[in-house]
Amino acid sequence: MAAPALVHLTGVGKRFGAAQALDGVELALSAGRVVGLVGPNGAGKSTVLKAILGLVQLTSGSVRAPAAGAAAKIGFVLDPPGLDPAHTVRRHLEIVRLTAGASRDQCARLSARCGITGFAAQRIRTLSTGQRQRVAITSALLGDPQVLLLDEPTNGLDPDAIRWLHSIIREQAEKGAAVLVSSHALAELQQVADEVIVLIGGRVRFAGPLTTLLAQRDVETLEEAYFGLSRQPPDQQPPDQQPPGQR
């Protein structure tokens, strides 16, 4: 039995003035699945995440997703993370905890799991990029969200921290969350993604299982598949592409 889709984008279009950021985007995010969102700069990846969060007014189409905010149905990390530099880490997490309805014990356990307890008293402005990323990821996980959206989550992370992040992502999927990871780090993304969406010029060029993409391109890596697909004219795409979660 297919896992339920927690997020649907149907025919989503978004224009910024004369620029078409998204054009007829169709996708679905299913419970228990990690979906990688890839594409060049300016492809519309961040706009997709903001559309799911309700942060942009659509030109066309519709989005169905759990409500963000109260009860933390959606956890997210945008690039760059929205952290007040004047707050201490502890103060920031207390604000997020209250918004998400999480307990102090849950916050303490998650802080330890995410490796931020040692610098909780520091102001965010004093943190390294990697430390800020850990704080942002911790914030996104408070409230045990049904949907987790991550925009370039490995920025500033060293190899050990990237391995930690991969384990966090898989844990969330195993708990039943739908996880969408937008990233340029294709080799890292291949290690955790069940499905892939390739977005080029605001249009979906592929949406489906990673194994299907690799088989169609007759390659072994997501990087090879992506570059081969990105050089292929849109009218030569396979006709049977479906949004993840719709198989």
Protein backbone atom coordinates (compact mmCIF):
# COMPACT_ATOMS: atom_id res chain seq x y z
CA MET A 1 0.00 0.00 0.00
CA ALA A 2 1.43 3.36 -1.03
CA ALA A 3 2.30 5.82 1.73
CA PRO A 4 -0.07 8.79 1.98
CA ALA A 5 0.99 12.03 0.32
CA LEU A 6 1.29 14.83 2.86
CA VAL A 7 2.04 17.61 0.36
CA HIS A 8 0.62 18.16 -3.14
CA LEU A 9 1.61 20.85 -5.63
CA THR A 10 -0.76 20.96 -8.59
CA GLY A 11 0.02 23.06 -11.67
CA VAL A 12 1.96 25.56 -9.59
CA GLY A 13 3.17 28.65 -11.41
CA LYS A 14 4.90 31.72 -10.02
CA ARG A 15 6.04 34.86 -11.80
CA PHE A 16 8.23 37.60 -10.39
CA GLY A 17 7.56 40.44 -12.79
CA ALA A 18 8.53 39.20 -16.23
CA ALA A 19 10.44 36.21 -14.84
CA GLN A 20 8.69 32.82 -14.73
CA ALA A 21 10.11 31.17 -11.59
CA LEU A 22 7.81 28.12 -11.64
CA ASP A 23 5.82 26.77 -14.57
CA GLY A 24 3.19 24.07 -14.00
CA VAL A 25 5.05 22.30 -11.20
CA GLU A 26 3.46 19.03 -10.06
CA LEU A 27 4.84 17.12 -7.10
CA ALA A 28 3.81 15.11 -4.08
CA LEU A 29 5.67 14.34 -0.87
CA SER A 30 4.76 11.07 0.82
CA ALA A 31 5.07 9.95 4.42
CA GLY A 32 8.26 8.07 5.14
CA ARG A 33 10.07 9.16 1.97
CA VAL A 34 13.10 11.39 1.42
CA VAL A 35 12.87 13.41 -1.81
CA GLY A 36 15.87 15.24 -3.25
CA LEU A 37 15.17 18.47 -5.13
CA VAL A 38 17.95 19.31 -7.58
CA GLY A 39 18.55 21.89 -10.28
CA PRO A 40 20.81 24.79 -11.23
CA ASN A 41 20.78 28.18 -9.55
CA GLY A 42 17.62 30.02 -10.55
CA ALA A 43 15.70 26.81 -11.32
CA GLY A 44 13.01 27.64 -8.76
CA LYS A 45 13.98 25.25 -5.95
CA SER A 46 13.74 27.81 -3.15
CA THR A 47 10.46 29.08 -4.60
CA VAL A 48 9.05 25.54 -4.38
CA LEU A 49 9.93 25.39 -0.69
CA LYS A 50 8.44 28.82 -0.06
CA ALA A 51 5.29 27.84 -1.96
CA ILE A 52 4.83 24.82 0.33
CA LEU A 53 5.28 27.11 3.34
CA GLY A 54 2.80 29.64 1.97
CA LEU A 55 5.45 32.35 1.80
CA VAL A 56 4.77 33.31 -1.84
CA GLN A 57 1.53 34.15 -3.59
CA LEU A 58 1.07 31.78 -6.49
CA THR A 59 0.38 32.98 -10.01
CA SER A 60 -1.44 29.72 -10.77
CA GLY A 61 -2.09 26.28 -9.36
CA SER A 62 -2.53 25.16 -5.77
CA VAL A 63 -0.65 23.74 -2.80
CA ARG A 64 -2.07 21.35 -0.22
CA ALA A 65 0.09 20.92 2.86
CA PRO A 66 -0.19 20.75 6.65
CA ALA A 67 -0.38 24.16 8.28
CA ALA A 68 2.96 25.60 9.31
CA GLY A 69 3.36 27.27 12.70
CA ALA A 70 1.27 25.98 15.60
CA ALA A 71 1.97 22.33 16.45
CA ALA A 72 4.90 22.49 14.02
CA LYS A 73 3.31 20.34 11.33
CA ILE A 74 6.03 21.61 8.99
CA GLY A 75 9.64 22.02 10.07
CA PHE A 76 11.97 23.87 7.75
CA VAL A 77 15.45 25.26 7.25
CA LEU A 78 15.74 27.90 4.54
CA ASP A 79 19.02 29.16 3.10
CA PRO A 80 20.25 31.22 4.88
CA PRO A 81 18.65 30.17 8.18
CA GLY A 82 16.46 32.84 9.77
CA LEU A 83 18.16 33.22 13.15
CA ASP A 84 18.22 36.43 15.21
CA PRO A 85 21.94 37.15 15.71
CA ALA A 86 21.31 38.93 19.03
CA HIS A 87 19.69 35.93 20.71
CA THR A 88 21.57 33.24 22.53
CA VAL A 89 21.05 29.72 21.23
CA ARG A 90 19.15 28.89 24.41
CA ARG A 91 16.81 31.88 24.02
CA HIS A 92 16.19 31.08 20.35
CA LEU A 93 15.28 27.48 21.12
CA GLU A 94 12.98 28.51 23.96
CA ILE A 95 11.01 30.73 21.55
CA VAL A 96 10.80 27.92 18.99
CA ARG A 97 9.88 25.38 21.68
CA LEU A 98 6.95 27.47 22.88
CA THR A 99 5.74 28.01 19.30
CA ALA A 100 6.02 24.30 18.49
CA GLY A 101 4.40 23.15 21.70
CA ALA A 102 7.40 21.00 22.63
CA SER A 103 8.41 20.17 26.20
CA ARG A 104 11.64 21.32 27.86
CA ASP A 105 12.74 17.69 28.12
CA GLN A 106 12.19 17.18 24.40
CA CYS A 107 14.18 20.33 23.65
CA ALA A 108 17.03 19.21 25.90
CA ARG A 109 17.17 15.73 24.34
CA LEU A 110 17.10 17.13 20.83
CA SER A 111 19.79 19.72 21.65
CA ALA A 112 22.05 16.92 22.84
CA ARG A 113 21.24 14.78 19.79
CA CYS A 114 22.06 17.69 17.49
CA GLY A 115 25.30 18.59 19.29
CA ILE A 116 24.46 22.16 20.30
CA THR A 117 24.39 21.87 24.09
CA GLY A 118 28.03 22.94 24.40
CA PHE A 119 27.41 26.37 22.88
CA ALA A 120 23.83 27.01 24.03
CA ALA A 121 24.90 30.08 26.03
CA GLN A 122 26.54 31.78 23.03
CA ARG A 123 24.88 34.47 20.97
CA ILE A 124 24.04 33.36 17.47
CA ARG A 125 26.21 36.10 15.95
CA THR A 126 29.29 34.41 17.44
CA LEU A 127 28.62 30.98 15.93
CA SER A 128 30.31 29.41 12.95
CA THR A 129 28.27 28.64 9.84
CA GLY A 130 28.14 24.97 10.77
CA GLN A 131 26.99 25.73 14.31
CA ARG A 132 24.23 27.99 13.01
CA GLN A 133 23.13 25.21 10.68
CA ARG A 134 22.90 22.79 13.60
CA VAL A 135 20.76 25.30 15.51
CA ALA A 136 18.47 25.76 12.50
CA ILE A 137 18.07 22.01 12.05
CA THR A 138 17.33 21.56 15.75
CA SER A 139 14.68 24.28 15.50
CA ALA A 140 13.08 22.57 12.50
CA LEU A 141 12.81 19.26 14.39
CA LEU A 142 11.16 20.66 17.52
CA GLY A 143 7.52 19.63 17.59
CA ASP A 144 8.19 16.42 15.62
CA PRO A 145 6.98 17.77 12.24
CA GLN A 146 5.03 15.72 9.70
CA VAL A 147 6.88 17.46 6.85
CA LEU A 148 10.54 18.51 6.93
CA LEU A 149 11.88 20.95 4.31
CA LEU A 150 15.65 21.48 4.11
CA ASP A 151 17.30 24.02 1.80
CA GLU A 152 21.05 23.37 1.33
CA PRO A 153 21.27 21.80 4.81
CA THR A 154 24.94 20.74 4.52
CA ASN A 155 26.22 24.32 4.17
CA GLY A 156 29.07 24.80 6.61
CA LEU A 157 28.99 21.22 7.89
CA ASP A 158 32.16 19.12 8.09
CA PRO A 159 32.15 15.44 7.04
CA ASP A 160 31.24 14.17 10.52
CA ALA A 161 28.35 16.64 10.72
CA ILE A 162 27.13 15.63 7.26
CA ARG A 163 27.02 12.00 8.39
CA TRP A 164 25.07 13.13 11.47
CA LEU A 165 22.63 15.04 9.25
CA HIS A 166 22.07 12.00 7.05
CA SER A 167 21.16 9.96 10.14
CA ILE A 168 18.75 12.69 11.27
CA ILE A 169 17.06 12.74 7.85
CA ARG A 170 16.64 8.96 7.77
CA GLU A 171 15.32 8.94 11.34
CA GLN A 172 12.64 11.47 10.45
CA ALA A 173 11.56 9.45 7.40
CA GLU A 174 11.46 6.23 9.44
CA LYS A 175 9.18 8.02 11.92
CA GLY A 176 6.79 8.75 9.05
CA ALA A 177 7.72 12.29 8.05
CA ALA A 178 7.89 13.44 4.45
CA VAL A 179 11.33 15.00 3.89
CA LEU A 180 12.28 17.30 1.01
CA VAL A 181 15.97 18.19 0.66
CA SER A 182 17.04 20.86 -1.83
CA SER A 183 20.76 20.59 -2.47
CA HIS A 184 23.58 21.10 -4.96
CA ALA A 185 25.60 18.38 -3.18
CA LEU A 186 24.48 15.56 -5.45
CA ALA A 187 26.82 12.85 -4.14
CA GLU A 188 25.65 13.52 -0.57
CA LEU A 189 22.02 13.65 -1.63
CA GLN A 190 22.28 10.28 -3.36
CA GLN A 191 23.13 8.70 0.00
CA VAL A 192 19.77 9.63 1.58
CA ALA A 193 17.21 10.26 -1.20
CA ASP A 194 14.54 7.71 -2.05
CA GLU A 195 13.15 9.89 -4.84
CA VAL A 196 14.36 12.81 -6.94
CA ILE A 197 12.81 15.86 -8.53
CA VAL A 198 14.90 17.56 -11.21
CA LEU A 199 13.79 21.17 -11.68
CA ILE A 200 15.20 23.18 -14.59
CA GLY A 201 13.92 26.57 -15.70
CA GLY A 202 10.97 26.34 -13.33
CA ARG A 203 9.76 23.04 -14.85
CA VAL A 204 9.94 19.50 -13.54
CA ARG A 205 12.16 17.46 -15.87
CA PHE A 206 12.02 14.28 -13.79
CA ALA A 207 10.07 13.18 -10.74
CA GLY A 208 10.29 9.67 -9.37
CA PRO A 209 12.44 7.07 -7.60
CA LEU A 210 16.18 7.64 -7.73
CA THR A 211 16.63 4.07 -8.95
CA THR A 212 14.35 4.78 -11.91
CA LEU A 213 16.33 7.88 -12.88
CA LEU A 214 19.63 6.00 -12.74
CA ALA A 215 18.19 3.14 -14.80
CA GLN A 216 16.71 5.46 -17.43
CA ARG A 217 20.03 7.28 -17.84
CA ASP A 218 22.03 4.00 -17.58
CA VAL A 219 24.39 5.54 -15.00
CA GLU A 220 25.42 4.85 -11.43
CA THR A 221 25.42 8.31 -9.86
CA LEU A 222 22.89 11.08 -9.42
CA GLU A 223 25.49 13.54 -10.69
CA GLU A 224 25.81 11.70 -14.03
CA ALA A 225 22.04 11.40 -14.35
CA TYR A 226 21.48 15.06 -13.54
CA PHE A 227 24.01 16.39 -16.04
CA GLY A 228 22.75 14.08 -18.76
CA LEU A 229 19.16 15.12 -18.15
CA SER A 230 19.97 18.82 -17.90
CA ARG A 231 21.53 18.75 -21.39
CA GLN A 232 18.53 16.95 -22.91
CA PRO A 233 15.89 19.15 -24.58
CA PRO A 234 12.55 19.20 -22.68
CA ASP A 235 10.65 17.68 -25.63
CA GLN A 236 12.82 14.55 -25.41
CA GLN A 237 11.84 13.73 -21.82
CA PRO A 238 10.20 10.35 -21.12
CA PRO A 239 6.41 10.77 -21.33
CA ASP A 240 5.54 8.82 -18.17
CA GLN A 241 6.99 11.04 -15.45
CA GLN A 242 4.81 11.22 -12.36
CA PRO A 243 5.20 13.18 -9.15
CA PRO A 244 6.87 11.27 -6.29
CA GLY A 245 4.27 9.53 -4.16
CA GLN A 246 1.93 8.91 -7.10
CA ARG A 247 3.21 5.47 -8.08
